[in-house]
């Protein structure tokens, strides 16, 4: 996991990030692996650290990054 030890979020922001994580994970087909959950969480943390507070945007960015990384991993295996 990336180092977010210096990140600080208000309780309200943590609730927004949790909602974005829950929605992003729920939108994936089962079974959802822990690596996918970790990638989504890291994306949400990184995007929130940059100042984003809209849960829909946090969710969308995380899912887009996951899709890109999954495609890159598949291309590397080919």
PDB file of N, CA and C in Angstrom:
ATOM      1  N   UNK A   1       0.842  -1.176   0.000  1.00  0.00           N
ATOM      2  CA  UNK A   1       0.000   0.000   0.000  1.00  0.00           C
ATOM      3  C   UNK A   1       0.883   1.232   0.000  1.00  0.00           C
ATOM      4  N   UNK A   2       0.419   2.245  -0.684  1.00  0.00           N
ATOM      5  CA  UNK A   2       1.149   3.502  -0.713  1.00  0.00           C
ATOM      6  C   UNK A   2       1.165   4.128   0.668  1.00  0.00           C
ATOM      7  N   UNK A   3       2.110   5.019   0.910  1.00  0.00           N
ATOM      8  CA  UNK A   3       2.258   5.650   2.215  1.00  0.00           C
ATOM      9  C   UNK A   3       1.345   6.865   2.331  1.00  0.00           C
ATOM     10  N   UNK A   4       0.331   6.744   3.161  1.00  0.00           N
ATOM     11  CA  UNK A   4      -0.587   7.845   3.426  1.00  0.00           C
ATOM     12  C   UNK A   4      -0.478   8.277   4.887  1.00  0.00           C
ATOM     13  N   UNK A   5       0.662   7.999   5.520  1.00  0.00           N
ATOM     14  CA  UNK A   5       0.814   8.284   6.948  1.00  0.00           C
ATOM     15  C   UNK A   5       0.726   9.771   7.266  1.00  0.00           C
ATOM     16  N   UNK A   6       1.029  10.627   6.321  1.00  0.00           N
ATOM     17  CA  UNK A   6       0.959  12.073   6.563  1.00  0.00           C
ATOM     18  C   UNK A   6      -0.380  12.669   6.154  1.00  0.00           C
ATOM     19  N   UNK A   7      -1.284  11.860   5.667  1.00  0.00           N
ATOM     20  CA  UNK A   7      -2.598  12.345   5.246  1.00  0.00           C
ATOM     21  C   UNK A   7      -3.484  12.528   6.475  1.00  0.00           C
ATOM     22  N   UNK A   8      -4.295  13.562   6.425  1.00  0.00           N
ATOM     23  CA  UNK A   8      -5.221  13.837   7.523  1.00  0.00           C
ATOM     24  C   UNK A   8      -6.560  14.231   6.924  1.00  0.00           C
ATOM     25  N   UNK A   9      -7.631  13.591   7.395  1.00  0.00           N
ATOM     26  CA  UNK A   9      -8.961  13.849   6.860  1.00  0.00           C
ATOM     27  C   UNK A   9      -9.939  14.081   8.000  1.00  0.00           C
ATOM     28  N   UNK A  10     -10.879  14.959   7.752  1.00  0.00           N
ATOM     29  CA  UNK A  10     -11.932  15.210   8.735  1.00  0.00           C
ATOM     30  C   UNK A  10     -12.871  14.004   8.787  1.00  0.00           C
ATOM     31  N   UNK A  11     -13.636  13.872   9.874  1.00  0.00           N
ATOM     32  CA  UNK A  11     -14.605  12.774   9.942  1.00  0.00           C
ATOM     33  C   UNK A  11     -15.601  12.801   8.779  1.00  0.00           C
ATOM     34  N   UNK A  12     -15.987  13.990   8.339  1.00  0.00           N
ATOM     35  CA  UNK A  12     -16.926  14.096   7.217  1.00  0.00           C
ATOM     36  C   UNK A  12     -16.298  13.562   5.937  1.00  0.00           C
ATOM     37  N   UNK A  13     -15.034  13.876   5.714  1.00  0.00           N
ATOM     38  CA  UNK A  13     -14.337  13.398   4.518  1.00  0.00           C
ATOM     39  C   UNK A  13     -14.171  11.890   4.569  1.00  0.00           C
ATOM     40  N   UNK A  14     -13.902  11.356   5.736  1.00  0.00           N
ATOM     41  CA  UNK A  14     -13.776   9.905   5.881  1.00  0.00           C
ATOM     42  C   UNK A  14     -15.094   9.224   5.531  1.00  0.00           C
ATOM     43  N   UNK A  15     -16.202   9.802   5.934  1.00  0.00           N
ATOM     44  CA  UNK A  15     -17.516   9.243   5.578  1.00  0.00           C
ATOM     45  C   UNK A  15     -17.738   9.279   4.069  1.00  0.00           C
ATOM     46  N   UNK A  16     -17.333  10.371   3.429  1.00  0.00           N
ATOM     47  CA  UNK A  16     -17.452  10.497   1.970  1.00  0.00           C
ATOM     48  C   UNK A  16     -16.591   9.437   1.288  1.00  0.00           C
ATOM     49  N   UNK A  17     -15.364   9.259   1.773  1.00  0.00           N
ATOM     50  CA  UNK A  17     -14.468   8.265   1.179  1.00  0.00           C
ATOM     51  C   UNK A  17     -15.012   6.850   1.379  1.00  0.00           C
ATOM     52  N   UNK A  18     -15.561   6.574   2.564  1.00  0.00           N
ATOM     53  CA  UNK A  18     -16.137   5.260   2.831  1.00  0.00           C
ATOM     54  C   UNK A  18     -17.310   4.980   1.899  1.00  0.00           C
ATOM     55  N   UNK A  19     -18.169   5.994   1.694  1.00  0.00           N
ATOM     56  CA  UNK A  19     -19.308   5.824   0.783  1.00  0.00           C
ATOM     57  C   UNK A  19     -18.820   5.545  -0.638  1.00  0.00           C
ATOM     58  N   UNK A  20     -17.795   6.269  -1.073  1.00  0.00           N
ATOM     59  CA  UNK A  20     -17.246   6.056  -2.415  1.00  0.00           C
ATOM     60  C   UNK A  20     -16.660   4.654  -2.540  1.00  0.00           C
ATOM     61  N   UNK A  21     -15.945   4.201  -1.526  1.00  0.00           N
ATOM     62  CA  UNK A  21     -15.366   2.858  -1.544  1.00  0.00           C
ATOM     63  C   UNK A  21     -16.458   1.795  -1.592  1.00  0.00           C
ATOM     64  N   UNK A  22     -17.449   1.937  -0.735  1.00  0.00           N
ATOM     65  CA  UNK A  22     -18.545   0.963  -0.705  1.00  0.00           C
ATOM     66  C   UNK A  22     -19.261   0.880  -2.045  1.00  0.00           C
ATOM     67  N   UNK A  23     -19.541   2.018  -2.636  1.00  0.00           N
ATOM     68  CA  UNK A  23     -20.246   2.035  -3.930  1.00  0.00           C
ATOM     69  C   UNK A  23     -19.381   1.465  -5.046  1.00  0.00           C
ATOM     70  N   UNK A  24     -18.101   1.796  -5.033  1.00  0.00           N
ATOM     71  CA  UNK A  24     -17.204   1.291  -6.077  1.00  0.00           C
ATOM     72  C   UNK A  24     -17.092  -0.221  -5.998  1.00  0.00           C
ATOM     73  N   UNK A  25     -16.891  -0.755  -4.801  1.00  0.00           N
ATOM     74  CA  UNK A  25     -16.763  -2.203  -4.632  1.00  0.00           C
ATOM     75  C   UNK A  25     -18.075  -2.899  -5.000  1.00  0.00           C
ATOM     76  N   UNK A  26     -19.196  -2.317  -4.589  1.00  0.00           N
ATOM     77  CA  UNK A  26     -20.502  -2.919  -4.891  1.00  0.00           C
ATOM     78  C   UNK A  26     -20.790  -2.955  -6.389  1.00  0.00           C
ATOM     79  N   UNK A  27     -20.167  -2.057  -7.145  1.00  0.00           N
ATOM     80  CA  UNK A  27     -20.427  -2.006  -8.586  1.00  0.00           C
ATOM     81  C   UNK A  27     -19.635  -3.051  -9.368  1.00  0.00           C
ATOM     82  N   UNK A  28     -18.665  -3.695  -8.725  1.00  0.00           N
ATOM     83  CA  UNK A  28     -17.845  -4.697  -9.403  1.00  0.00           C
ATOM     84  C   UNK A  28     -18.527  -6.058  -9.379  1.00  0.00           C
ATOM     85  N   UNK A  29     -18.274  -6.876 -10.399  1.00  0.00           N
ATOM     86  CA  UNK A  29     -18.842  -8.228 -10.385  1.00  0.00           C
ATOM     87  C   UNK A  29     -18.142  -9.091  -9.325  1.00  0.00           C
ATOM     88  N   UNK A  30     -18.916  -9.946  -8.692  1.00  0.00           N
ATOM     89  CA  UNK A  30     -18.365 -10.847  -7.665  1.00  0.00           C
ATOM     90  C   UNK A  30     -17.581 -11.965  -8.343  1.00  0.00           C
ATOM     91  N   UNK A  31     -16.593 -12.484  -7.738  1.00  0.00           N
ATOM     92  CA  UNK A  31     -16.012 -12.088  -6.461  1.00  0.00           C
ATOM     93  C   UNK A  31     -15.038 -10.936  -6.659  1.00  0.00           C
ATOM     94  N   UNK A  32     -14.994 -10.052  -5.676  1.00  0.00           N
ATOM     95  CA  UNK A  32     -14.076  -8.908  -5.712  1.00  0.00           C
ATOM     96  C   UNK A  32     -12.859  -9.259  -4.868  1.00  0.00           C
ATOM     97  N   UNK A  33     -11.710  -9.255  -5.502  1.00  0.00           N
ATOM     98  CA  UNK A  33     -10.478  -9.611  -4.803  1.00  0.00           C
ATOM     99  C   UNK A  33      -9.948  -8.477  -3.944  1.00  0.00           C
ATOM    100  N   UNK A  34      -9.155  -8.846  -2.971  1.00  0.00           N
ATOM    101  CA  UNK A  34      -8.597  -7.843  -2.058  1.00  0.00           C
ATOM    102  C   UNK A  34      -7.676  -6.868  -2.783  1.00  0.00           C
ATOM    103  N   UNK A  35      -7.015  -7.309  -3.840  1.00  0.00           N
ATOM    104  CA  UNK A  35      -6.147  -6.410  -4.602  1.00  0.00           C
ATOM    105  C   UNK A  35      -6.960  -5.299  -5.257  1.00  0.00           C
ATOM    106  N   UNK A  36      -8.166  -5.641  -5.731  1.00  0.00           N
ATOM    107  CA  UNK A  36      -9.025  -4.627  -6.322  1.00  0.00           C
ATOM    108  C   UNK A  36      -9.509  -3.640  -5.271  1.00  0.00           C
ATOM    109  N   UNK A  37      -9.890  -4.141  -4.111  1.00  0.00           N
ATOM    110  CA  UNK A  37     -10.342  -3.266  -3.028  1.00  0.00           C
ATOM    111  C   UNK A  37      -9.208  -2.335  -2.612  1.00  0.00           C
ATOM    112  N   UNK A  38      -8.007  -2.862  -2.504  1.00  0.00           N
ATOM    113  CA  UNK A  38      -6.859  -2.046  -2.126  1.00  0.00           C
ATOM    114  C   UNK A  38      -6.574  -0.970  -3.177  1.00  0.00           C
ATOM    115  N   UNK A  39      -6.640  -1.330  -4.450  1.00  0.00           N
ATOM    116  CA  UNK A  39      -6.403  -0.354  -5.519  1.00  0.00           C
ATOM    117  C   UNK A  39      -7.449   0.760  -5.486  1.00  0.00           C
ATOM    118  N   UNK A  40      -8.704   0.397  -5.260  1.00  0.00           N
ATOM    119  CA  UNK A  40      -9.779   1.389  -5.168  1.00  0.00           C
ATOM    120  C   UNK A  40      -9.543   2.298  -3.964  1.00  0.00           C
ATOM    121  N   UNK A  41      -9.216   1.715  -2.819  1.00  0.00           N
ATOM    122  CA  UNK A  41      -8.984   2.505  -1.611  1.00  0.00           C
ATOM    123  C   UNK A  41      -7.824   3.480  -1.798  1.00  0.00           C
ATOM    124  N   UNK A  42      -6.733   3.017  -2.394  1.00  0.00           N
ATOM    125  CA  UNK A  42      -5.587   3.894  -2.631  1.00  0.00           C
ATOM    126  C   UNK A  42      -5.955   5.040  -3.552  1.00  0.00           C
ATOM    127  N   UNK A  43      -6.705   4.757  -4.585  1.00  0.00           N
ATOM    128  CA  UNK A  43      -7.132   5.804  -5.507  1.00  0.00           C
ATOM    129  C   UNK A  43      -7.995   6.840  -4.795  1.00  0.00           C
ATOM    130  N   UNK A  44      -8.936   6.365  -3.981  1.00  0.00           N
ATOM    131  CA  UNK A  44      -9.815   7.287  -3.254  1.00  0.00           C
ATOM    132  C   UNK A  44      -8.995   8.143  -2.282  1.00  0.00           C
ATOM    133  N   UNK A  45      -8.077   7.522  -1.556  1.00  0.00           N
ATOM    134  CA  UNK A  45      -7.222   8.283  -0.645  1.00  0.00           C
ATOM    135  C   UNK A  45      -6.404   9.332  -1.390  1.00  0.00           C
ATOM    136  N   UNK A  46      -5.800   8.940  -2.488  1.00  0.00           N
ATOM    137  CA  UNK A  46      -4.975   9.864  -3.271  1.00  0.00           C
ATOM    138  C   UNK A  46      -5.806  11.021  -3.816  1.00  0.00           C
ATOM    139  N   UNK A  47      -6.980  10.711  -4.352  1.00  0.00           N
ATOM    140  CA  UNK A  47      -7.832  11.745  -4.933  1.00  0.00           C
ATOM    141  C   UNK A  47      -8.381  12.675  -3.852  1.00  0.00           C
ATOM    142  N   UNK A  48      -8.749  12.112  -2.699  1.00  0.00           N
ATOM    143  CA  UNK A  48      -9.229  12.946  -1.589  1.00  0.00           C
ATOM    144  C   UNK A  48      -8.103  13.811  -1.037  1.00  0.00           C
ATOM    145  N   UNK A  49      -6.904  13.279  -1.008  1.00  0.00           N
ATOM    146  CA  UNK A  49      -5.753  14.050  -0.530  1.00  0.00           C
ATOM    147  C   UNK A  49      -5.503  15.259  -1.423  1.00  0.00           C
ATOM    148  N   UNK A  50      -5.861  15.138  -2.707  1.00  0.00           N
ATOM    149  CA  UNK A  50      -5.721  16.246  -3.651  1.00  0.00           C
ATOM    150  C   UNK A  50      -6.855  17.264  -3.512  1.00  0.00           C
ATOM    151  N   UNK A  51      -7.858  16.948  -2.666  1.00  0.00           N
ATOM    152  CA  UNK A  51      -8.907  17.923  -2.391  1.00  0.00           C
ATOM    153  C   UNK A  51     -10.306  17.559  -2.846  1.00  0.00           C
ATOM    154  N   UNK A  52     -10.458  16.459  -3.571  1.00  0.00           N
ATOM    155  CA  UNK A  52     -11.786  16.074  -4.058  1.00  0.00           C
ATOM    156  C   UNK A  52     -12.644  15.577  -2.904  1.00  0.00           C
ATOM    157  N   UNK A  53     -13.911  16.025  -2.858  1.00  0.00           N
ATOM    158  CA  UNK A  53     -14.814  15.617  -1.784  1.00  0.00           C
ATOM    159  C   UNK A  53     -16.146  15.070  -2.285  1.00  0.00           C
ATOM    160  N   UNK A  54     -16.342  15.005  -3.570  1.00  0.00           N
ATOM    161  CA  UNK A  54     -17.580  14.479  -4.142  1.00  0.00           C
ATOM    162  C   UNK A  54     -17.465  12.952  -4.208  1.00  0.00           C
ATOM    163  N   UNK A  55     -18.346  12.228  -3.493  1.00  0.00           N
ATOM    164  CA  UNK A  55     -18.216  10.768  -3.484  1.00  0.00           C
ATOM    165  C   UNK A  55     -18.389  10.135  -4.856  1.00  0.00           C
ATOM    166  N   UNK A  56     -19.187  10.733  -5.709  1.00  0.00           N
ATOM    167  CA  UNK A  56     -19.384  10.196  -7.060  1.00  0.00           C
ATOM    168  C   UNK A  56     -18.090  10.326  -7.864  1.00  0.00           C
ATOM    169  N   UNK A  57     -17.425  11.452  -7.730  1.00  0.00           N
ATOM    170  CA  UNK A  57     -16.160  11.659  -8.440  1.00  0.00           C
ATOM    171  C   UNK A  57     -15.088  10.721  -7.883  1.00  0.00           C
ATOM    172  N   UNK A  58     -15.024  10.577  -6.568  1.00  0.00           N
ATOM    173  CA  UNK A  58     -14.051   9.657  -5.971  1.00  0.00           C
ATOM    174  C   UNK A  58     -14.275   8.232  -6.472  1.00  0.00           C
ATOM    175  N   UNK A  59     -15.527   7.812  -6.510  1.00  0.00           N
ATOM    176  CA  UNK A  59     -15.859   6.473  -7.000  1.00  0.00           C
ATOM    177  C   UNK A  59     -15.472   6.326  -8.466  1.00  0.00           C
ATOM    178  N   UNK A  60     -15.854   7.287  -9.276  1.00  0.00           N
ATOM    179  CA  UNK A  60     -15.576   7.228 -10.716  1.00  0.00           C
ATOM    180  C   UNK A  60     -14.076   7.176 -10.991  1.00  0.00           C
ATOM    181  N   UNK A  61     -13.310   8.025 -10.311  1.00  0.00           N
ATOM    182  CA  UNK A  61     -11.859   8.036 -10.519  1.00  0.00           C
ATOM    183  C   UNK A  61     -11.241   6.692 -10.131  1.00  0.00           C
ATOM    184  N   UNK A  62     -11.681   6.138  -9.010  1.00  0.00           N
ATOM    185  CA  UNK A  62     -11.142   4.858  -8.559  1.00  0.00           C
ATOM    186  C   UNK A  62     -11.443   3.742  -9.555  1.00  0.00           C
ATOM    187  N   UNK A  63     -12.667   3.710 -10.058  1.00  0.00           N
ATOM    188  CA  UNK A  63     -13.036   2.672 -11.020  1.00  0.00           C
ATOM    189  C   UNK A  63     -12.313   2.849 -12.349  1.00  0.00           C
ATOM    190  N   UNK A  64     -12.113   4.091 -12.755  1.00  0.00           N
ATOM    191  CA  UNK A  64     -11.364   4.338 -13.997  1.00  0.00           C
ATOM    192  C   UNK A  64      -9.914   3.892 -13.843  1.00  0.00           C
ATOM    193  N   UNK A  65      -9.296   4.225 -12.715  1.00  0.00           N
ATOM    194  CA  UNK A  65      -7.913   3.798 -12.482  1.00  0.00           C
ATOM    195  C   UNK A  65      -7.811   2.277 -12.424  1.00  0.00           C
ATOM    196  N   UNK A  66      -8.780   1.645 -11.787  1.00  0.00           N
ATOM    197  CA  UNK A  66      -8.790   0.182 -11.712  1.00  0.00           C
ATOM    198  C   UNK A  66      -8.894  -0.420 -13.112  1.00  0.00           C
ATOM    199  N   UNK A  67      -9.763   0.137 -13.929  1.00  0.00           N
ATOM    200  CA  UNK A  67      -9.936  -0.367 -15.295  1.00  0.00           C
ATOM    201  C   UNK A  67      -8.649  -0.203 -16.089  1.00  0.00           C
ATOM    202  N   UNK A  68      -7.995   0.929 -15.959  1.00  0.00           N
ATOM    203  CA  UNK A  68      -6.744   1.178 -16.680  1.00  0.00           C
ATOM    204  C   UNK A  68      -5.662   0.213 -16.206  1.00  0.00           C
ATOM    205  N   UNK A  69      -5.531   0.057 -14.889  1.00  0.00           N
ATOM    206  CA  UNK A  69      -4.478  -0.831 -14.377  1.00  0.00           C
ATOM    207  C   UNK A  69      -4.737  -2.280 -14.749  1.00  0.00           C
ATOM    208  N   UNK A  70      -6.001  -2.691 -14.763  1.00  0.00           N
ATOM    209  CA  UNK A  70      -6.350  -4.056 -15.150  1.00  0.00           C
ATOM    210  C   UNK A  70      -6.003  -4.306 -16.612  1.00  0.00           C
ATOM    211  N   UNK A  71      -6.276  -3.322 -17.457  1.00  0.00           N
ATOM    212  CA  UNK A  71      -5.948  -3.471 -18.886  1.00  0.00           C
ATOM    213  C   UNK A  71      -4.441  -3.514 -19.083  1.00  0.00           C
ATOM    214  N   UNK A  72      -3.703  -2.684 -18.354  1.00  0.00           N
ATOM    215  CA  UNK A  72      -2.245  -2.687 -18.473  1.00  0.00           C
ATOM    216  C   UNK A  72      -1.679  -4.029 -18.024  1.00  0.00           C
ATOM    217  N   UNK A  73      -2.221  -4.586 -16.936  1.00  0.00           N
ATOM    218  CA  UNK A  73      -1.766  -5.892 -16.464  1.00  0.00           C
ATOM    219  C   UNK A  73      -2.045  -6.971 -17.509  1.00  0.00           C
ATOM    220  N   UNK A  74      -3.216  -6.913 -18.135  1.00  0.00           N
ATOM    221  CA  UNK A  74      -3.569  -7.901 -19.170  1.00  0.00           C
ATOM    222  C   UNK A  74      -2.639  -7.759 -20.376  1.00  0.00           C
ATOM    223  N   UNK A  75      -2.315  -6.517 -20.759  1.00  0.00           N
ATOM    224  CA  UNK A  75      -1.418  -6.310 -21.892  1.00  0.00           C
ATOM    225  C   UNK A  75      -0.019  -6.860 -21.605  1.00  0.00           C
ATOM    226  N   UNK A  76       0.438  -6.721 -20.364  1.00  0.00           N
ATOM    227  CA  UNK A  76       1.760  -7.223 -19.993  1.00  0.00           C
ATOM    228  C   UNK A  76       1.829  -8.744 -20.081  1.00  0.00           C
ATOM    229  N   UNK A  77       0.703  -9.392 -19.790  1.00  0.00           N
ATOM    230  CA  UNK A  77       0.666 -10.862 -19.834  1.00  0.00           C
ATOM    231  C   UNK A  77       0.599 -11.393 -21.256  1.00  0.00           C
ATOM    232  N   UNK A  78       0.179 -10.566 -22.199  1.00  0.00           N
ATOM    233  CA  UNK A  78       0.023 -11.009 -23.598  1.00  0.00           C
ATOM    234  C   UNK A  78       1.331 -11.134 -24.313  1.00  0.00           C
TER     235      UNK A  78
END
